[in-house]
Amino acid sequence: MAKTILQVEGMSCQHCVNSIEGALKEIGAIGKVDLTNNTVEVSYDENQITIGAVKEAIEEQGYDVV
């Protein structure tokens, strides 16, 4: 399992948390949103999911991965 922390802009509420964590779950990753630090800690199987797919899943929800 790979683990990475991404800086994500545009998150502000519980809806943001649910959107991002739900989108990551759909692709088989586990996300933990930290609204205070504007970060998302993601755990994923690098043999099944690329970091590009993780970023795309977040960006498709309307947030910017920086």
C-alpha atoms as a PDB file:
ATOM      1  CA  MET A   1       0.000   0.000   0.000  1.00  0.00           C
ATOM      2  CA  ALA A   2       1.292   3.418  -0.954  1.00  0.00           C
ATOM      3  CA  LYS A   3       0.478   6.450   1.129  1.00  0.00           C
ATOM      4  CA  THR A   4       0.672  10.071   0.040  1.00  0.00           C
ATOM      5  CA  ILE A   5      -0.520  13.440   1.261  1.00  0.00           C
ATOM      6  CA  LEU A   6      -1.910  15.833  -1.332  1.00  0.00           C
ATOM      7  CA  GLN A   7      -2.523  19.583  -0.986  1.00  0.00           C
ATOM      8  CA  VAL A   8      -6.071  20.262  -2.167  1.00  0.00           C
ATOM      9  CA  GLU A   9      -7.658  23.686  -2.632  1.00  0.00           C
ATOM     10  CA  GLY A  10     -11.344  24.495  -2.419  1.00  0.00           C
ATOM     11  CA  MET A  11     -12.376  22.288   0.506  1.00  0.00           C
ATOM     12  CA  SER A  12     -14.363  23.959   3.277  1.00  0.00           C
ATOM     13  CA  CYS A  13     -17.094  21.744   4.733  1.00  0.00           C
ATOM     14  CA  GLN A  14     -18.365  18.243   5.456  1.00  0.00           C
ATOM     15  CA  HIS A  15     -19.836  18.020   1.956  1.00  0.00           C
ATOM     16  CA  CYS A  16     -16.304  18.466   0.572  1.00  0.00           C
ATOM     17  CA  VAL A  17     -15.041  15.691   2.845  1.00  0.00           C
ATOM     18  CA  ASN A  18     -17.823  13.327   1.749  1.00  0.00           C
ATOM     19  CA  SER A  19     -17.329  14.116  -1.958  1.00  0.00           C
ATOM     20  CA  ILE A  20     -13.593  13.504  -1.941  1.00  0.00           C
ATOM     21  CA  GLU A  21     -13.572  10.469   0.343  1.00  0.00           C
ATOM     22  CA  GLY A  22     -16.468   8.949  -1.626  1.00  0.00           C
ATOM     23  CA  ALA A  23     -14.768   9.506  -4.990  1.00  0.00           C
ATOM     24  CA  LEU A  24     -11.561   7.910  -3.737  1.00  0.00           C
ATOM     25  CA  LYS A  25     -13.467   4.943  -2.336  1.00  0.00           C
ATOM     26  CA  GLU A  26     -15.075   4.407  -5.762  1.00  0.00           C
ATOM     27  CA  ILE A  27     -11.661   3.903  -7.371  1.00  0.00           C
ATOM     28  CA  GLY A  28     -10.441   1.647  -4.556  1.00  0.00           C
ATOM     29  CA  ALA A  29      -8.412   4.161  -2.547  1.00  0.00           C
ATOM     30  CA  ILE A  30      -8.857   5.314   1.044  1.00  0.00           C
ATOM     31  CA  GLY A  31      -8.873   9.057   1.631  1.00  0.00           C
ATOM     32  CA  LYS A  32      -8.786  11.061   4.844  1.00  0.00           C
ATOM     33  CA  VAL A  33      -9.532  14.766   4.422  1.00  0.00           C
ATOM     34  CA  ASP A  34      -8.036  17.354   6.792  1.00  0.00           C
ATOM     35  CA  LEU A  35      -9.920  20.621   6.276  1.00  0.00           C
ATOM     36  CA  THR A  36      -7.654  22.523   8.680  1.00  0.00           C
ATOM     37  CA  ASN A  37      -4.516  21.856   6.635  1.00  0.00           C
ATOM     38  CA  ASN A  38      -6.204  21.547   3.206  1.00  0.00           C
ATOM     39  CA  THR A  39      -4.747  18.076   2.744  1.00  0.00           C
ATOM     40  CA  VAL A  40      -5.971  14.646   1.766  1.00  0.00           C
ATOM     41  CA  GLU A  41      -4.052  11.611   2.989  1.00  0.00           C
ATOM     42  CA  VAL A  42      -4.542   8.819   0.471  1.00  0.00           C
ATOM     43  CA  SER A  43      -3.736   5.125   0.838  1.00  0.00           C
ATOM     44  CA  TYR A  44      -3.892   3.045  -2.327  1.00  0.00           C
ATOM     45  CA  ASP A  45      -2.478  -0.070  -3.990  1.00  0.00           C
ATOM     46  CA  GLU A  46       0.045   1.293  -6.469  1.00  0.00           C
ATOM     47  CA  ASN A  47      -0.251  -1.937  -8.481  1.00  0.00           C
ATOM     48  CA  GLN A  48      -3.928  -1.178  -9.132  1.00  0.00           C
ATOM     49  CA  ILE A  49      -4.248   2.627  -8.983  1.00  0.00           C
ATOM     50  CA  THR A  50      -1.924   5.378 -10.210  1.00  0.00           C
ATOM     51  CA  ILE A  51      -1.369   8.671  -8.408  1.00  0.00           C
ATOM     52  CA  GLY A  52      -2.748  10.277 -11.563  1.00  0.00           C
ATOM     53  CA  ALA A  53      -6.036   8.421 -11.091  1.00  0.00           C
ATOM     54  CA  VAL A  54      -6.153   9.570  -7.460  1.00  0.00           C
ATOM     55  CA  LYS A  55      -5.654  13.217  -8.466  1.00  0.00           C
ATOM     56  CA  GLU A  56      -8.199  12.900 -11.271  1.00  0.00           C
ATOM     57  CA  ALA A  57     -10.827  11.482  -8.907  1.00  0.00           C
ATOM     58  CA  ILE A  58     -10.387  14.508  -6.609  1.00  0.00           C
ATOM     59  CA  GLU A  59     -10.336  17.030  -9.463  1.00  0.00           C
ATOM     60  CA  GLU A  60     -13.509  15.526 -10.970  1.00  0.00           C
ATOM     61  CA  GLN A  61     -15.269  16.567  -7.755  1.00  0.00           C
ATOM     62  CA  GLY A  62     -14.340  20.195  -8.449  1.00  0.00           C
ATOM     63  CA  TYR A  63     -11.235  20.610  -6.274  1.00  0.00           C
ATOM     64  CA  ASP A  64      -7.689  21.573  -7.259  1.00  0.00           C
ATOM     65  CA  VAL A  65      -4.787  19.299  -6.396  1.00  0.00           C
ATOM     66  CA  VAL A  66      -1.667  21.475  -6.106  1.00  0.00           C
END
